[in-house]
């Protein structure tokens, strides 16, 4: 059957078929899985803990290892990545298979962490271990800076953490805000000849700007 010839010989039938196809397409549009931010990256669950005063090696041995032993093998988990820093902070990221219910994954990881909590050092138990769902998808980056250099990086950092980060976290679709804190200011003195009065000089680390990275919520 030649569709072109049929459309010419039966124009009414061609019009009816066009209308039917248009209506079917319009109805199918509402049932399509359309998302502004599709879940391309696999869901992740982040475990965070703090051991004040401990080195990165101590945190890895006394905090990270017990948690990893319990969390390892949780349902639908692909792999884990842990990072211990010299300030006593620990971040463990558990990545799950695409399509996994992130709420269910969070509950499973939370239960495993609860089993490991009694084996953690007392300071870590007092500060608590947080388990939250997260997404590696970054929605955007916001830079805060002092145009006239009136405020130093510490002031800009504290302002962002106290006044900006919490507001952004309450926006629908935002899962987490990564606001890197500026390092502490240092003070140095110039070596002058005997009898001279040295003038203190403040060294401000880095530029007078702060970056806020915004991540989506699963």
N, C-alpha and C. Protein backbone atom coordinates (compact mmCIF):
# COMPACT_ATOMS: atom_id res chain seq x y z
N UNK A 1 0.85 -1.20 0.00
CA UNK A 1 0.00 0.00 0.00
C UNK A 1 0.88 1.24 0.00
N UNK A 2 0.61 2.13 -0.97
CA UNK A 2 1.34 3.38 -1.06
C UNK A 2 0.62 4.42 -0.22
N UNK A 3 1.26 4.87 0.88
CA UNK A 3 0.61 5.81 1.80
C UNK A 3 0.37 7.16 1.14
N UNK A 4 1.31 7.59 0.31
CA UNK A 4 1.14 8.87 -0.38
C UNK A 4 -0.05 8.85 -1.33
N UNK A 5 -0.16 7.75 -2.12
CA UNK A 5 -1.27 7.64 -3.06
C UNK A 5 -2.59 7.53 -2.32
N UNK A 6 -2.59 6.80 -1.19
CA UNK A 6 -3.81 6.66 -0.39
C UNK A 6 -4.25 8.01 0.17
N UNK A 7 -3.27 8.85 0.58
CA UNK A 7 -3.61 10.16 1.14
C UNK A 7 -4.22 11.07 0.07
N UNK A 8 -3.73 10.92 -1.19
CA UNK A 8 -4.27 11.73 -2.26
C UNK A 8 -5.67 11.26 -2.65
N UNK A 9 -5.86 9.95 -2.71
CA UNK A 9 -7.15 9.41 -3.11
C UNK A 9 -8.19 9.51 -1.99
N UNK A 10 -7.74 9.42 -0.74
CA UNK A 10 -8.66 9.48 0.40
C UNK A 10 -8.21 10.61 1.34
N UNK A 11 -8.46 11.84 0.97
CA UNK A 11 -8.01 12.96 1.83
C UNK A 11 -8.66 12.98 3.20
N UNK A 12 -9.91 12.56 3.28
CA UNK A 12 -10.60 12.55 4.57
C UNK A 12 -9.91 11.57 5.52
N UNK A 13 -9.57 10.38 4.98
CA UNK A 13 -8.90 9.39 5.81
C UNK A 13 -7.54 9.90 6.27
N UNK A 14 -6.82 10.62 5.42
CA UNK A 14 -5.51 11.16 5.79
C UNK A 14 -5.64 12.20 6.90
N UNK A 15 -6.70 13.02 6.81
CA UNK A 15 -6.91 14.04 7.85
C UNK A 15 -7.24 13.38 9.19
N UNK A 16 -8.08 12.35 9.14
CA UNK A 16 -8.45 11.65 10.37
C UNK A 16 -7.23 10.99 11.00
N UNK A 17 -6.39 10.36 10.19
CA UNK A 17 -5.18 9.73 10.73
C UNK A 17 -4.24 10.77 11.34
N UNK A 18 -4.13 11.93 10.71
CA UNK A 18 -3.27 12.98 11.26
C UNK A 18 -3.79 13.46 12.60
N UNK A 19 -5.12 13.61 12.72
CA UNK A 19 -5.70 14.06 13.99
C UNK A 19 -5.48 13.01 15.08
N UNK A 20 -5.67 11.73 14.72
CA UNK A 20 -5.47 10.66 15.70
C UNK A 20 -4.03 10.62 16.19
N UNK A 21 -3.07 10.74 15.25
CA UNK A 21 -1.66 10.73 15.63
C UNK A 21 -1.31 11.93 16.50
N UNK A 22 -1.90 13.10 16.20
CA UNK A 22 -1.63 14.29 17.01
C UNK A 22 -2.16 14.12 18.42
N UNK A 23 -3.38 13.60 18.56
CA UNK A 23 -3.95 13.38 19.89
C UNK A 23 -3.16 12.34 20.66
N UNK A 24 -2.75 11.25 19.98
CA UNK A 24 -1.96 10.22 20.65
C UNK A 24 -0.62 10.76 21.13
N UNK A 25 0.01 11.61 20.32
CA UNK A 25 1.28 12.21 20.75
C UNK A 25 1.12 13.16 21.92
N UNK A 26 0.02 13.93 21.92
CA UNK A 26 -0.23 14.84 23.03
C UNK A 26 -0.47 14.08 24.33
N UNK A 27 -1.22 12.97 24.24
CA UNK A 27 -1.46 12.16 25.45
C UNK A 27 -0.19 11.47 25.93
N UNK A 28 0.64 11.03 25.00
CA UNK A 28 1.88 10.35 25.38
C UNK A 28 2.88 11.30 26.01
N UNK A 29 2.79 12.59 25.69
CA UNK A 29 3.75 13.56 26.23
C UNK A 29 3.66 13.63 27.76
N UNK A 30 2.45 13.54 28.30
CA UNK A 30 2.29 13.67 29.75
C UNK A 30 2.74 12.42 30.50
N UNK A 31 2.89 11.31 29.80
CA UNK A 31 3.35 10.08 30.46
C UNK A 31 4.84 9.83 30.29
N UNK A 32 5.54 10.70 29.57
CA UNK A 32 6.98 10.54 29.37
C UNK A 32 7.73 10.94 30.63
N UNK A 33 8.84 10.27 30.87
CA UNK A 33 9.68 10.58 32.04
C UNK A 33 10.57 11.77 31.71
N UNK A 34 10.05 12.96 31.92
CA UNK A 34 10.78 14.18 31.62
C UNK A 34 11.21 14.81 32.94
N UNK A 35 12.49 15.16 33.05
CA UNK A 35 13.01 15.76 34.28
C UNK A 35 13.97 16.88 33.91
N UNK A 36 13.89 17.97 34.68
CA UNK A 36 14.81 19.09 34.43
C UNK A 36 16.24 18.70 34.76
N UNK A 37 16.40 17.93 35.86
CA UNK A 37 17.73 17.44 36.26
C UNK A 37 17.65 15.92 36.38
N UNK A 38 17.80 15.19 35.27
CA UNK A 38 17.68 13.72 35.34
C UNK A 38 18.79 13.11 36.19
N UNK A 39 18.47 11.99 36.81
CA UNK A 39 19.41 11.29 37.68
C UNK A 39 20.39 10.49 36.83
N UNK A 40 21.42 11.16 36.35
CA UNK A 40 22.44 10.48 35.55
C UNK A 40 23.47 9.82 36.44
N UNK A 41 23.92 10.53 37.46
CA UNK A 41 24.92 9.99 38.37
C UNK A 41 24.26 9.03 39.36
N UNK A 42 24.99 7.99 39.78
CA UNK A 42 24.42 7.06 40.76
C UNK A 42 24.21 7.73 42.10
N UNK A 43 23.20 7.30 42.87
CA UNK A 43 22.95 7.91 44.18
C UNK A 43 24.07 7.58 45.16
N UNK A 44 24.30 8.49 46.08
CA UNK A 44 25.37 8.31 47.06
C UNK A 44 24.85 8.64 48.46
N UNK A 45 25.47 8.03 49.44
CA UNK A 45 25.20 8.29 50.85
C UNK A 45 26.52 8.67 51.50
N UNK A 46 26.54 9.79 52.20
CA UNK A 46 27.76 10.33 52.79
C UNK A 46 27.73 10.14 54.30
N UNK A 47 28.81 9.60 54.85
CA UNK A 47 28.98 9.42 56.29
C UNK A 47 30.05 10.39 56.75
N UNK A 48 29.74 11.18 57.76
CA UNK A 48 30.68 12.17 58.28
C UNK A 48 30.85 12.01 59.78
N UNK A 49 32.10 12.11 60.21
CA UNK A 49 32.44 12.03 61.63
C UNK A 49 33.64 12.91 61.91
N UNK A 50 33.81 13.28 63.17
CA UNK A 50 34.91 14.14 63.57
C UNK A 50 35.55 13.59 64.83
N UNK A 51 36.88 13.48 64.81
CA UNK A 51 37.67 13.05 65.96
C UNK A 51 38.60 14.20 66.31
N UNK A 52 38.20 15.08 67.22
CA UNK A 52 39.01 16.28 67.51
C UNK A 52 40.41 15.93 68.00
N UNK A 53 41.40 16.59 67.41
CA UNK A 53 42.78 16.42 67.82
C UNK A 53 43.48 15.21 67.26
N UNK A 54 42.82 14.39 66.50
CA UNK A 54 43.43 13.17 65.96
C UNK A 54 44.04 13.43 64.59
N UNK A 55 45.08 12.70 64.28
CA UNK A 55 45.71 12.80 62.97
C UNK A 55 44.90 12.02 61.94
N UNK A 56 45.24 12.20 60.67
CA UNK A 56 44.53 11.50 59.60
C UNK A 56 44.71 9.98 59.73
N UNK A 57 45.89 9.55 60.10
CA UNK A 57 46.14 8.10 60.25
C UNK A 57 45.32 7.53 61.39
N UNK A 58 45.25 8.26 62.52
CA UNK A 58 44.46 7.79 63.65
C UNK A 58 42.98 7.71 63.30
N UNK A 59 42.49 8.72 62.60
CA UNK A 59 41.08 8.71 62.19
C UNK A 59 40.80 7.54 61.26
N UNK A 60 41.72 7.28 60.35
CA UNK A 60 41.53 6.17 59.42
C UNK A 60 41.49 4.82 60.13
N UNK A 61 42.34 4.64 61.14
CA UNK A 61 42.43 3.36 61.83
C UNK A 61 41.31 3.15 62.84
N UNK A 62 40.98 4.20 63.60
CA UNK A 62 40.04 4.04 64.71
C UNK A 62 38.59 4.38 64.37
N UNK A 63 38.38 5.15 63.33
CA UNK A 63 37.02 5.56 62.98
C UNK A 63 36.59 5.00 61.63
N UNK A 64 37.43 5.20 60.61
CA UNK A 64 37.05 4.78 59.27
C UNK A 64 36.96 3.26 59.14
N UNK A 65 37.95 2.56 59.68
CA UNK A 65 37.98 1.10 59.52
C UNK A 65 36.77 0.41 60.13
N UNK A 66 36.37 0.69 61.38
CA UNK A 66 35.16 0.02 61.92
C UNK A 66 33.90 0.32 61.12
N UNK A 67 33.76 1.55 60.65
CA UNK A 67 32.56 1.90 59.88
C UNK A 67 32.56 1.19 58.53
N UNK A 68 33.72 1.17 57.87
CA UNK A 68 33.80 0.52 56.56
C UNK A 68 33.54 -0.98 56.66
N UNK A 69 34.01 -1.61 57.72
CA UNK A 69 33.78 -3.04 57.88
C UNK A 69 32.29 -3.36 58.01
N UNK A 70 31.53 -2.49 58.64
CA UNK A 70 30.10 -2.73 58.80
C UNK A 70 29.32 -2.35 57.54
N UNK A 71 29.68 -1.24 56.93
CA UNK A 71 28.93 -0.75 55.76
C UNK A 71 29.22 -1.59 54.52
N UNK A 72 30.41 -2.15 54.45
CA UNK A 72 30.79 -2.95 53.29
C UNK A 72 29.81 -4.11 53.08
N UNK A 73 29.33 -4.24 51.86
CA UNK A 73 28.40 -5.31 51.54
C UNK A 73 26.95 -4.95 51.67
N UNK A 74 26.64 -3.68 51.95
CA UNK A 74 25.24 -3.28 52.04
C UNK A 74 24.57 -3.45 50.69
N UNK A 75 23.29 -3.66 50.67
CA UNK A 75 22.56 -4.00 49.46
C UNK A 75 22.69 -2.91 48.39
N UNK A 76 23.00 -3.34 47.17
CA UNK A 76 23.09 -2.50 45.96
C UNK A 76 24.23 -1.48 46.00
N UNK A 77 25.17 -1.62 46.92
CA UNK A 77 26.29 -0.68 46.95
C UNK A 77 27.37 -1.12 45.95
N UNK A 78 27.92 -0.15 45.21
CA UNK A 78 28.96 -0.44 44.23
C UNK A 78 30.35 -0.35 44.85
N UNK A 79 30.63 0.77 45.52
CA UNK A 79 31.95 0.95 46.12
C UNK A 79 31.87 2.05 47.17
N UNK A 80 32.95 2.16 47.95
CA UNK A 80 33.07 3.19 48.97
C UNK A 80 34.35 3.97 48.76
N UNK A 81 34.31 5.23 49.16
CA UNK A 81 35.49 6.09 49.11
C UNK A 81 35.56 6.86 50.42
N UNK A 82 36.69 6.76 51.12
CA UNK A 82 36.84 7.43 52.41
C UNK A 82 38.00 8.42 52.34
N UNK A 83 37.85 9.50 53.09
CA UNK A 83 38.88 10.54 53.15
C UNK A 83 38.98 11.05 54.57
N UNK A 84 40.16 10.89 55.16
CA UNK A 84 40.44 11.39 56.51
C UNK A 84 41.45 12.53 56.41
N UNK A 85 41.20 13.62 57.10
CA UNK A 85 42.06 14.79 57.03
C UNK A 85 42.78 15.00 58.36
N UNK A 86 43.76 15.89 58.32
CA UNK A 86 44.59 16.12 59.51
C UNK A 86 43.86 16.87 60.61
N UNK A 87 42.70 17.45 60.33
CA UNK A 87 41.94 18.14 61.38
C UNK A 87 40.97 17.22 62.10
N UNK A 88 41.04 15.91 61.83
CA UNK A 88 40.19 14.94 62.52
C UNK A 88 38.87 14.66 61.84
N UNK A 89 38.68 15.16 60.63
CA UNK A 89 37.41 14.96 59.92
C UNK A 89 37.48 13.70 59.05
N UNK A 90 36.34 13.04 58.94
CA UNK A 90 36.24 11.82 58.13
C UNK A 90 35.01 11.92 57.24
N UNK A 91 35.20 11.62 55.96
CA UNK A 91 34.10 11.57 55.00
C UNK A 91 34.16 10.24 54.26
N UNK A 92 33.09 9.49 54.34
CA UNK A 92 32.97 8.22 53.63
C UNK A 92 31.79 8.32 52.68
N UNK A 93 32.04 8.11 51.40
CA UNK A 93 31.00 8.19 50.38
C UNK A 93 30.71 6.80 49.85
N UNK A 94 29.48 6.34 50.03
CA UNK A 94 29.04 5.04 49.53
C UNK A 94 28.21 5.26 48.27
N UNK A 95 28.66 4.69 47.17
CA UNK A 95 27.98 4.85 45.88
C UNK A 95 27.17 3.61 45.57
N UNK A 96 25.92 3.82 45.15
CA UNK A 96 25.00 2.72 44.89
C UNK A 96 24.67 2.62 43.41
N UNK A 97 24.05 1.52 43.04
CA UNK A 97 23.69 1.29 41.65
C UNK A 97 22.68 2.34 41.18
N UNK A 98 22.76 2.75 39.92
CA UNK A 98 21.76 3.70 39.39
C UNK A 98 20.36 3.12 39.51
N UNK A 99 19.43 3.97 39.92
CA UNK A 99 18.05 3.52 40.11
C UNK A 99 17.74 3.06 41.51
N UNK A 100 18.74 2.97 42.38
CA UNK A 100 18.51 2.55 43.76
C UNK A 100 17.75 3.64 44.52
N UNK A 101 16.79 3.22 45.34
CA UNK A 101 16.06 4.18 46.17
C UNK A 101 17.02 4.75 47.21
N UNK A 102 17.33 6.04 47.09
CA UNK A 102 18.33 6.64 47.96
C UNK A 102 17.86 6.71 49.41
N UNK A 103 16.55 6.82 49.63
CA UNK A 103 16.03 6.82 51.00
C UNK A 103 16.25 5.46 51.67
N UNK A 104 16.00 4.40 50.91
CA UNK A 104 16.24 3.06 51.44
C UNK A 104 17.73 2.84 51.69
N UNK A 105 18.56 3.31 50.76
CA UNK A 105 20.01 3.16 50.93
C UNK A 105 20.49 3.90 52.18
N UNK A 106 19.94 5.08 52.44
CA UNK A 106 20.33 5.83 53.61
C UNK A 106 19.97 5.08 54.90
N UNK A 107 18.79 4.48 54.92
CA UNK A 107 18.39 3.72 56.10
C UNK A 107 19.29 2.52 56.32
N UNK A 108 19.64 1.81 55.24
CA UNK A 108 20.51 0.65 55.36
C UNK A 108 21.89 1.04 55.89
N UNK A 109 22.43 2.14 55.36
CA UNK A 109 23.74 2.59 55.82
C UNK A 109 23.67 3.07 57.27
N UNK A 110 22.58 3.75 57.61
CA UNK A 110 22.41 4.23 58.98
C UNK A 110 22.40 3.06 59.97
N UNK A 111 21.74 1.98 59.60
CA UNK A 111 21.70 0.81 60.48
C UNK A 111 23.08 0.18 60.64
N UNK A 112 23.84 0.13 59.55
CA UNK A 112 25.19 -0.42 59.64
C UNK A 112 26.10 0.47 60.50
N UNK A 113 25.96 1.78 60.34
CA UNK A 113 26.78 2.70 61.14
C UNK A 113 26.44 2.58 62.62
N UNK A 114 25.17 2.36 62.93
CA UNK A 114 24.77 2.18 64.32
C UNK A 114 25.44 0.97 64.95
N UNK A 115 25.68 -0.07 64.16
CA UNK A 115 26.38 -1.25 64.67
C UNK A 115 27.84 -0.96 64.97
N UNK A 116 28.44 -0.06 64.20
CA UNK A 116 29.86 0.26 64.39
C UNK A 116 30.08 1.34 65.44
N UNK A 117 29.06 2.09 65.79
CA UNK A 117 29.22 3.21 66.72
C UNK A 117 29.81 2.81 68.06
N UNK A 118 29.39 1.71 68.70
CA UNK A 118 29.99 1.36 70.01
C UNK A 118 31.49 1.11 69.96
N UNK A 119 32.06 0.82 68.79
CA UNK A 119 33.49 0.55 68.68
C UNK A 119 34.29 1.80 68.34
N UNK A 120 33.62 2.92 68.21
CA UNK A 120 34.31 4.17 67.88
C UNK A 120 34.82 4.84 69.15
N UNK A 121 35.84 5.69 69.04
CA UNK A 121 36.35 6.41 70.21
C UNK A 121 35.27 7.27 70.86
N UNK A 122 35.42 7.49 72.15
CA UNK A 122 34.41 8.23 72.92
C UNK A 122 34.18 9.64 72.36
N UNK A 123 35.22 10.41 71.99
CA UNK A 123 34.95 11.74 71.42
C UNK A 123 34.10 11.70 70.15
N UNK A 124 34.30 10.68 69.35
CA UNK A 124 33.52 10.55 68.12
C UNK A 124 32.06 10.24 68.45
N UNK A 125 31.84 9.38 69.43
CA UNK A 125 30.48 9.06 69.82
C UNK A 125 29.75 10.26 70.39
N UNK A 126 30.48 11.10 71.12
CA UNK A 126 29.84 12.29 71.69
C UNK A 126 29.45 13.30 70.61
N UNK A 127 30.31 13.48 69.63
CA UNK A 127 30.00 14.42 68.55
C UNK A 127 29.01 13.85 67.55
N UNK A 128 28.91 12.51 67.48
CA UNK A 128 27.94 11.88 66.61
C UNK A 128 28.47 11.60 65.21
N UNK A 129 27.85 10.64 64.55
CA UNK A 129 28.17 10.29 63.16
C UNK A 129 26.94 10.57 62.31
N UNK A 130 27.09 11.41 61.32
CA UNK A 130 25.97 11.79 60.47
C UNK A 130 25.96 10.95 59.20
N UNK A 131 24.75 10.55 58.80
CA UNK A 131 24.54 9.79 57.57
C UNK A 131 23.47 10.53 56.77
N UNK A 132 23.81 10.97 55.58
CA UNK A 132 22.86 11.74 54.78
C UNK A 132 23.01 11.35 53.31
N UNK A 133 21.91 11.46 52.62
CA UNK A 133 21.93 11.18 51.18
C UNK A 133 22.46 12.41 50.45
N UNK A 134 23.13 12.17 49.36
CA UNK A 134 23.74 13.26 48.63
C UNK A 134 23.79 12.90 47.15
N UNK A 135 24.19 13.88 46.37
CA UNK A 135 24.33 13.67 44.94
C UNK A 135 25.59 14.37 44.48
N UNK A 136 26.40 13.71 43.65
CA UNK A 136 27.61 14.36 43.15
C UNK A 136 27.34 15.40 42.07
N UNK A 137 26.07 15.56 41.67
CA UNK A 137 25.74 16.51 40.62
C UNK A 137 25.81 17.93 41.17
N UNK A 138 26.64 18.76 40.58
CA UNK A 138 26.79 20.13 41.03
C UNK A 138 25.90 21.04 40.19
N UNK A 139 25.01 21.76 40.88
CA UNK A 139 24.07 22.64 40.19
C UNK A 139 24.70 23.97 39.80
N UNK A 140 25.63 24.45 40.59
CA UNK A 140 26.21 25.74 40.28
C UNK A 140 27.25 26.15 41.29
N UNK A 141 27.89 27.25 41.01
CA UNK A 141 28.93 27.79 41.88
C UNK A 141 28.70 29.28 42.07
N UNK A 142 28.76 29.73 43.31
CA UNK A 142 28.57 31.13 43.65
C UNK A 142 29.86 31.64 44.29
N UNK A 143 30.35 32.77 43.81
CA UNK A 143 31.56 33.39 44.35
C UNK A 143 31.17 34.62 45.15
N UNK A 144 31.67 34.68 46.38
CA UNK A 144 31.51 35.87 47.22
C UNK A 144 32.87 36.53 47.37
N UNK A 145 32.92 37.84 47.23
CA UNK A 145 34.20 38.54 47.33
C UNK A 145 33.97 39.96 47.83
N UNK A 146 35.03 40.58 48.24
CA UNK A 146 34.99 41.96 48.70
C UNK A 146 35.58 42.84 47.60
N UNK A 147 34.76 43.59 46.86
CA UNK A 147 35.27 44.36 45.71
C UNK A 147 36.36 45.36 46.09
N UNK A 148 36.18 46.03 47.20
CA UNK A 148 37.17 47.04 47.59
C UNK A 148 38.19 46.50 48.59
N UNK A 149 38.16 45.16 48.82
CA UNK A 149 39.10 44.50 49.72
C UNK A 149 38.99 45.04 51.15
N UNK A 150 37.79 45.44 51.51
CA UNK A 150 37.57 45.93 52.86
C UNK A 150 37.55 44.78 53.87
N UNK A 151 37.06 43.61 53.43
CA UNK A 151 36.93 42.47 54.32
C UNK A 151 37.92 41.39 53.91
N UNK A 152 38.52 40.75 54.91
CA UNK A 152 39.50 39.70 54.63
C UNK A 152 38.78 38.38 54.37
N UNK A 153 39.51 37.35 53.91
CA UNK A 153 38.88 36.06 53.59
C UNK A 153 38.17 35.42 54.77
N UNK A 154 38.67 35.60 55.99
CA UNK A 154 38.01 35.02 57.15
C UNK A 154 36.62 35.63 57.34
N UNK A 155 36.53 36.95 57.16
CA UNK A 155 35.23 37.61 57.31
C UNK A 155 34.25 37.13 56.23
N UNK A 156 34.73 37.05 54.99
CA UNK A 156 33.88 36.60 53.89
C UNK A 156 33.44 35.16 54.12
N UNK A 157 34.36 34.32 54.58
CA UNK A 157 34.03 32.92 54.84
C UNK A 157 32.99 32.79 55.94
N UNK A 158 33.18 33.49 57.05
CA UNK A 158 32.22 33.43 58.14
C UNK A 158 30.86 33.98 57.72
N UNK A 159 30.86 35.04 56.94
CA UNK A 159 29.59 35.61 56.47
C UNK A 159 28.84 34.61 55.60
N UNK A 160 29.58 33.92 54.70
CA UNK A 160 28.93 32.95 53.81
C UNK A 160 28.36 31.78 54.59
N UNK A 161 29.12 31.27 55.57
CA UNK A 161 28.67 30.11 56.33
C UNK A 161 27.49 30.47 57.23
N UNK A 162 27.51 31.65 57.83
CA UNK A 162 26.48 32.04 58.79
C UNK A 162 25.22 32.59 58.12
N UNK A 163 25.35 33.27 56.99
CA UNK A 163 24.21 33.99 56.43
C UNK A 163 23.76 33.51 55.05
N UNK A 164 24.64 32.86 54.31
CA UNK A 164 24.30 32.49 52.94
C UNK A 164 24.02 30.99 52.80
N UNK A 165 24.87 30.15 53.39
CA UNK A 165 24.76 28.70 53.18
C UNK A 165 23.42 28.16 53.66
N UNK A 166 22.98 28.57 54.86
CA UNK A 166 21.72 28.04 55.40
C UNK A 166 20.53 28.46 54.55
N UNK A 167 20.57 29.66 54.01
CA UNK A 167 19.47 30.13 53.15
C UNK A 167 19.41 29.32 51.87
N UNK A 168 20.56 29.05 51.28
CA UNK A 168 20.59 28.27 50.04
C UNK A 168 20.14 26.83 50.26
N UNK A 169 20.44 26.26 51.43
CA UNK A 169 20.04 24.89 51.71
C UNK A 169 18.52 24.73 51.78
N UNK A 170 17.82 25.81 52.08
CA UNK A 170 16.36 25.73 52.18
C UNK A 170 15.67 25.86 50.83
N UNK A 171 16.42 26.09 49.78
CA UNK A 171 15.83 26.19 48.44
C UNK A 171 15.47 24.80 47.94
N UNK A 172 14.30 24.69 47.34
CA UNK A 172 13.83 23.40 46.83
C UNK A 172 14.80 22.85 45.78
N UNK A 173 15.21 21.60 45.95
CA UNK A 173 16.11 20.95 45.01
C UNK A 173 17.56 21.00 45.38
N UNK A 174 17.93 21.83 46.37
CA UNK A 174 19.32 21.92 46.81
C UNK A 174 19.55 20.91 47.93
N UNK A 175 20.53 20.06 47.75
CA UNK A 175 20.81 19.03 48.74
C UNK A 175 21.90 19.41 49.71
N UNK A 176 22.94 20.08 49.25
CA UNK A 176 24.06 20.40 50.13
C UNK A 176 24.81 21.60 49.58
N UNK A 177 25.48 22.30 50.48
CA UNK A 177 26.30 23.45 50.14
C UNK A 177 27.71 23.19 50.65
N UNK A 178 28.67 23.29 49.76
CA UNK A 178 30.06 23.12 50.14
C UNK A 178 30.71 24.49 50.17
N UNK A 179 30.90 25.02 51.39
CA UNK A 179 31.52 26.33 51.55
C UNK A 179 32.89 26.15 52.18
N UNK A 180 33.96 26.13 51.38
CA UNK A 180 35.30 25.95 51.94
C UNK A 180 35.68 27.10 52.84
N UNK A 181 36.13 26.78 54.04
CA UNK A 181 36.50 27.81 55.00
C UNK A 181 37.90 28.32 54.71
N UNK A 182 38.09 29.61 54.90
CA UNK A 182 39.41 30.21 54.70
C UNK A 182 40.30 29.86 55.88
N UNK A 183 41.60 29.75 55.61
CA UNK A 183 42.54 29.44 56.68
C UNK A 183 42.74 30.64 57.57
N UNK A 184 43.26 30.39 58.74
CA UNK A 184 43.43 31.46 59.70
C UNK A 184 44.50 32.45 59.24
N UNK A 185 44.32 33.71 59.62
CA UNK A 185 45.29 34.73 59.25
C UNK A 185 46.58 34.54 60.02
N UNK A 186 47.67 34.86 59.38
CA UNK A 186 48.96 34.74 60.05
C UNK A 186 49.58 36.11 60.28
N UNK A 187 50.50 36.18 61.21
CA UNK A 187 51.16 37.44 61.52
C UNK A 187 52.66 37.22 61.48
N UNK A 188 53.36 38.12 60.84
CA UNK A 188 54.81 38.01 60.78
C UNK A 188 55.43 39.34 61.19
N UNK A 189 56.68 39.29 61.60
CA UNK A 189 57.41 40.49 61.99
C UNK A 189 58.72 40.56 61.20
N UNK A 190 59.04 41.75 60.76
CA UNK A 190 60.30 41.95 60.06
C UNK A 190 61.44 42.11 61.06
N UNK A 191 62.58 41.52 60.76
CA UNK A 191 63.76 41.65 61.61
C UNK A 191 64.44 42.98 61.32
N UNK A 192 64.44 43.87 62.31
CA UNK A 192 65.02 45.21 62.16
C UNK A 192 66.24 45.35 63.06
N UNK A 193 67.07 46.33 62.81
CA UNK A 193 68.25 46.54 63.65
C UNK A 193 67.85 46.80 65.10
N UNK A 194 68.78 46.57 66.01
CA UNK A 194 68.54 46.73 67.43
C UNK A 194 68.10 48.17 67.74
N UNK A 195 67.03 48.28 68.54
CA UNK A 195 66.51 49.58 68.93
C UNK A 195 65.34 50.04 68.09
N UNK A 196 65.16 49.46 66.91
CA UNK A 196 64.03 49.83 66.07
C UNK A 196 62.78 49.08 66.52
N UNK A 197 61.64 49.68 66.32
CA UNK A 197 60.37 49.07 66.72
C UNK A 197 59.76 48.40 65.50
N UNK A 198 59.66 47.08 65.51
CA UNK A 198 59.08 46.39 64.37
C UNK A 198 57.57 46.62 64.28
N UNK A 199 57.06 46.71 63.08
CA UNK A 199 55.63 46.87 62.87
C UNK A 199 55.04 45.54 62.40
N UNK A 200 53.99 45.07 63.07
CA UNK A 200 53.38 43.81 62.66
C UNK A 200 52.73 43.92 61.29
N UNK A 201 52.79 42.86 60.53
CA UNK A 201 52.21 42.83 59.19
C UNK A 201 51.30 41.62 59.08
N UNK A 202 50.07 41.84 58.75
CA UNK A 202 49.09 40.76 58.63
C UNK A 202 49.17 40.17 57.23
N UNK A 203 49.27 38.84 57.17
CA UNK A 203 49.29 38.14 55.90
C UNK A 203 47.93 37.48 55.70
N UNK A 204 47.20 37.87 54.68
CA UNK A 204 45.90 37.30 54.38
C UNK A 204 46.06 36.20 53.36
N UNK A 205 45.61 34.99 53.66
CA UNK A 205 45.80 33.87 52.73
C UNK A 205 44.86 33.98 51.55
N UNK A 206 45.41 33.74 50.38
CA UNK A 206 44.59 33.64 49.18
C UNK A 206 43.98 34.97 48.76
N UNK A 207 43.02 34.88 47.89
CA UNK A 207 42.32 36.06 47.42
C UNK A 207 41.14 36.36 48.33
N UNK A 208 40.54 37.51 48.11
CA UNK A 208 39.42 37.92 48.94
C UNK A 208 38.11 37.42 48.37
N UNK A 209 38.05 36.15 48.09
CA UNK A 209 36.83 35.58 47.52
C UNK A 209 36.58 34.21 48.14
N UNK A 210 35.32 33.79 48.09
CA UNK A 210 34.92 32.49 48.62
C UNK A 210 34.00 31.84 47.61
N UNK A 211 34.15 30.55 47.41
CA UNK A 211 33.33 29.83 46.45
C UNK A 211 32.34 28.94 47.18
N UNK A 212 31.07 29.03 46.82
CA UNK A 212 30.03 28.16 47.34
C UNK A 212 29.61 27.21 46.22
N UNK A 213 29.75 25.91 46.44
CA UNK A 213 29.34 24.92 45.45
C UNK A 213 28.02 24.31 45.87
N UNK A 214 27.04 24.32 44.98
CA UNK A 214 25.69 23.87 45.26
C UNK A 214 25.46 22.53 44.59
N UNK A 215 24.97 21.55 45.36
CA UNK A 215 24.73 20.21 44.84
C UNK A 215 23.23 19.90 44.91
N UNK A 216 22.77 19.10 43.98
CA UNK A 216 21.35 18.79 43.89
C UNK A 216 20.95 17.76 44.92
N UNK A 217 19.66 17.65 45.15
CA UNK A 217 19.11 16.69 46.09
C UNK A 217 18.50 15.56 45.30
N UNK A 218 18.74 14.32 45.78
CA UNK A 218 18.16 13.15 45.09
C UNK A 218 16.65 13.11 45.32
